Amino acid sequence: MTTDLSQSSTADNTTAETIERTAPVASLQFDMAKKVNFASAQNDVPVLKALSITNTTEDALDNIQITLTAQPAVIKSKTWIIDRLSCLVMVTPGSGSGSPTGTLGM
């Protein structure tokens, strides 16, 4: 599954109207488990199988934060911080360790 992340910008013209443009700046690809149940939680089956982010612009992106949460909170939330993502580059944050699993986040 791929999600486009957008950055909003505004520009004023001579009539003082504001035009809002939304341009995709990154693409987030991820593969999630189809189902999460008590047995998968007890066996630490990964909920998030794969995650990568691609900078689709010609400019570097700074201070990117990706947070995975669930409602209801059946898994622990996980945040990845990417200091800098160069232009037209794909990054896969983290490794096999530290990946969110079915562990209950209570």
Protein backbone atom coordinates (compact mmCIF):
# COMPACT_ATOMS: atom_id res chain seq x y z
CA MET A 1 0.00 0.00 0.00
CA THR A 2 1.28 3.46 -0.88
CA THR A 3 0.26 6.78 0.61
CA ASP A 4 1.25 10.18 -0.80
CA LEU A 5 2.21 12.73 1.81
CA SER A 6 1.59 16.33 0.86
CA GLN A 7 2.97 19.67 1.85
CA SER A 8 0.61 22.63 1.70
CA SER A 9 1.77 26.01 0.57
CA THR A 10 -0.06 29.26 -0.03
CA ALA A 11 0.54 32.13 -2.43
CA ASP A 12 -1.07 35.59 -2.43
CA ASN A 13 -1.93 37.31 -5.68
CA THR A 14 -2.65 40.97 -6.38
CA THR A 15 -6.32 40.69 -5.35
CA ALA A 16 -5.32 39.41 -1.89
CA GLU A 17 -6.93 36.03 -2.53
CA THR A 18 -5.14 33.01 -1.14
CA ILE A 19 -4.54 30.06 -3.38
CA GLU A 20 -3.67 26.84 -1.63
CA ARG A 21 -1.61 24.26 -3.49
CA THR A 22 -0.97 20.75 -2.35
CA ALA A 23 1.97 18.92 -3.88
CA PRO A 24 3.07 15.40 -2.97
CA VAL A 25 6.48 15.51 -1.31
CA ALA A 26 6.87 11.92 -0.22
CA SER A 27 5.45 8.48 -0.81
CA LEU A 28 5.01 6.07 2.09
CA GLN A 29 4.94 2.34 1.31
CA PHE A 30 3.96 -0.22 3.91
CA ASP A 31 2.83 -3.82 4.27
CA MET A 32 0.63 -4.67 7.27
CA ALA A 33 -0.68 -7.92 8.69
CA LYS A 34 -4.21 -8.63 7.46
CA LYS A 35 -5.44 -9.60 10.93
CA VAL A 36 -4.22 -9.09 14.48
CA ASN A 37 -5.56 -11.37 17.19
CA PHE A 38 -4.67 -12.54 20.67
CA ALA A 39 -2.58 -15.48 19.39
CA SER A 40 -0.50 -13.23 17.14
CA ALA A 41 0.03 -10.84 20.05
CA GLN A 42 1.19 -13.67 22.33
CA ASN A 43 3.63 -14.89 19.65
CA ASP A 44 5.03 -11.43 18.79
CA VAL A 45 3.93 -11.67 15.16
CA PRO A 46 4.88 -8.40 13.42
CA VAL A 47 1.92 -6.17 12.58
CA LEU A 48 4.02 -3.98 10.30
CA LYS A 49 5.88 -6.19 7.83
CA ALA A 50 7.58 -3.48 5.77
CA LEU A 51 7.85 0.32 5.78
CA SER A 52 9.67 2.70 3.44
CA ILE A 53 9.43 6.37 2.55
CA THR A 54 10.50 7.93 -0.74
CA ASN A 55 11.28 11.60 -1.26
CA THR A 56 9.63 12.40 -4.60
CA THR A 57 10.95 15.95 -4.82
CA GLU A 58 14.23 17.47 -5.97
CA ASP A 59 14.79 18.98 -2.51
CA ALA A 60 15.92 17.29 0.69
CA LEU A 61 13.29 16.79 3.42
CA ASP A 62 14.26 17.42 7.04
CA ASN A 63 12.90 16.24 10.40
CA ILE A 64 10.48 13.57 9.22
CA GLN A 65 8.47 11.76 11.88
CA ILE A 66 6.43 8.64 11.12
CA THR A 67 4.20 7.34 13.91
CA LEU A 68 2.24 4.09 13.87
CA THR A 69 -0.74 3.91 16.23
CA ALA A 70 -3.87 1.81 16.45
CA GLN A 71 -7.40 2.55 17.62
CA PRO A 72 -8.21 0.82 19.88
CA ALA A 73 -4.67 0.61 21.24
CA VAL A 74 -4.09 -3.09 20.61
CA ILE A 75 -0.44 -2.56 19.68
CA LYS A 76 2.27 -0.35 21.13
CA SER A 77 2.77 2.85 19.17
CA LYS A 78 6.08 3.26 17.39
CA THR A 79 7.73 6.41 16.05
CA TRP A 80 10.55 6.62 13.53
CA ILE A 81 12.48 9.86 13.11
CA ILE A 82 14.42 10.55 9.92
CA ASP A 83 16.72 13.55 10.25
CA ARG A 84 17.17 14.13 6.53
CA LEU A 85 15.90 12.45 3.38
CA SER A 86 17.81 13.45 0.26
CA CYS A 87 16.07 14.16 -3.02
CA LEU A 88 14.66 11.20 -4.94
CA VAL A 89 15.83 8.71 -2.27
CA MET A 90 14.01 5.84 -0.55
CA VAL A 91 14.67 4.91 3.10
CA THR A 92 13.52 1.91 5.11
CA PRO A 93 13.53 3.01 8.77
CA GLY A 94 14.49 0.54 11.47
CA SER A 95 15.30 -3.11 11.07
CA GLY A 96 13.71 -6.37 12.12
CA SER A 97 14.27 -5.53 15.77
CA GLY A 98 12.04 -2.89 17.20
CA SER A 99 9.29 -3.51 14.67
CA PRO A 100 5.78 -3.16 16.06
CA THR A 101 4.34 -6.52 16.96
CA GLY A 102 1.03 -7.73 18.25
CA THR A 103 2.10 -6.93 21.81
CA LEU A 104 -0.70 -5.16 23.60
CA GLY A 105 0.08 -1.53 24.30
CA MET A 106 -1.52 -1.32 27.73
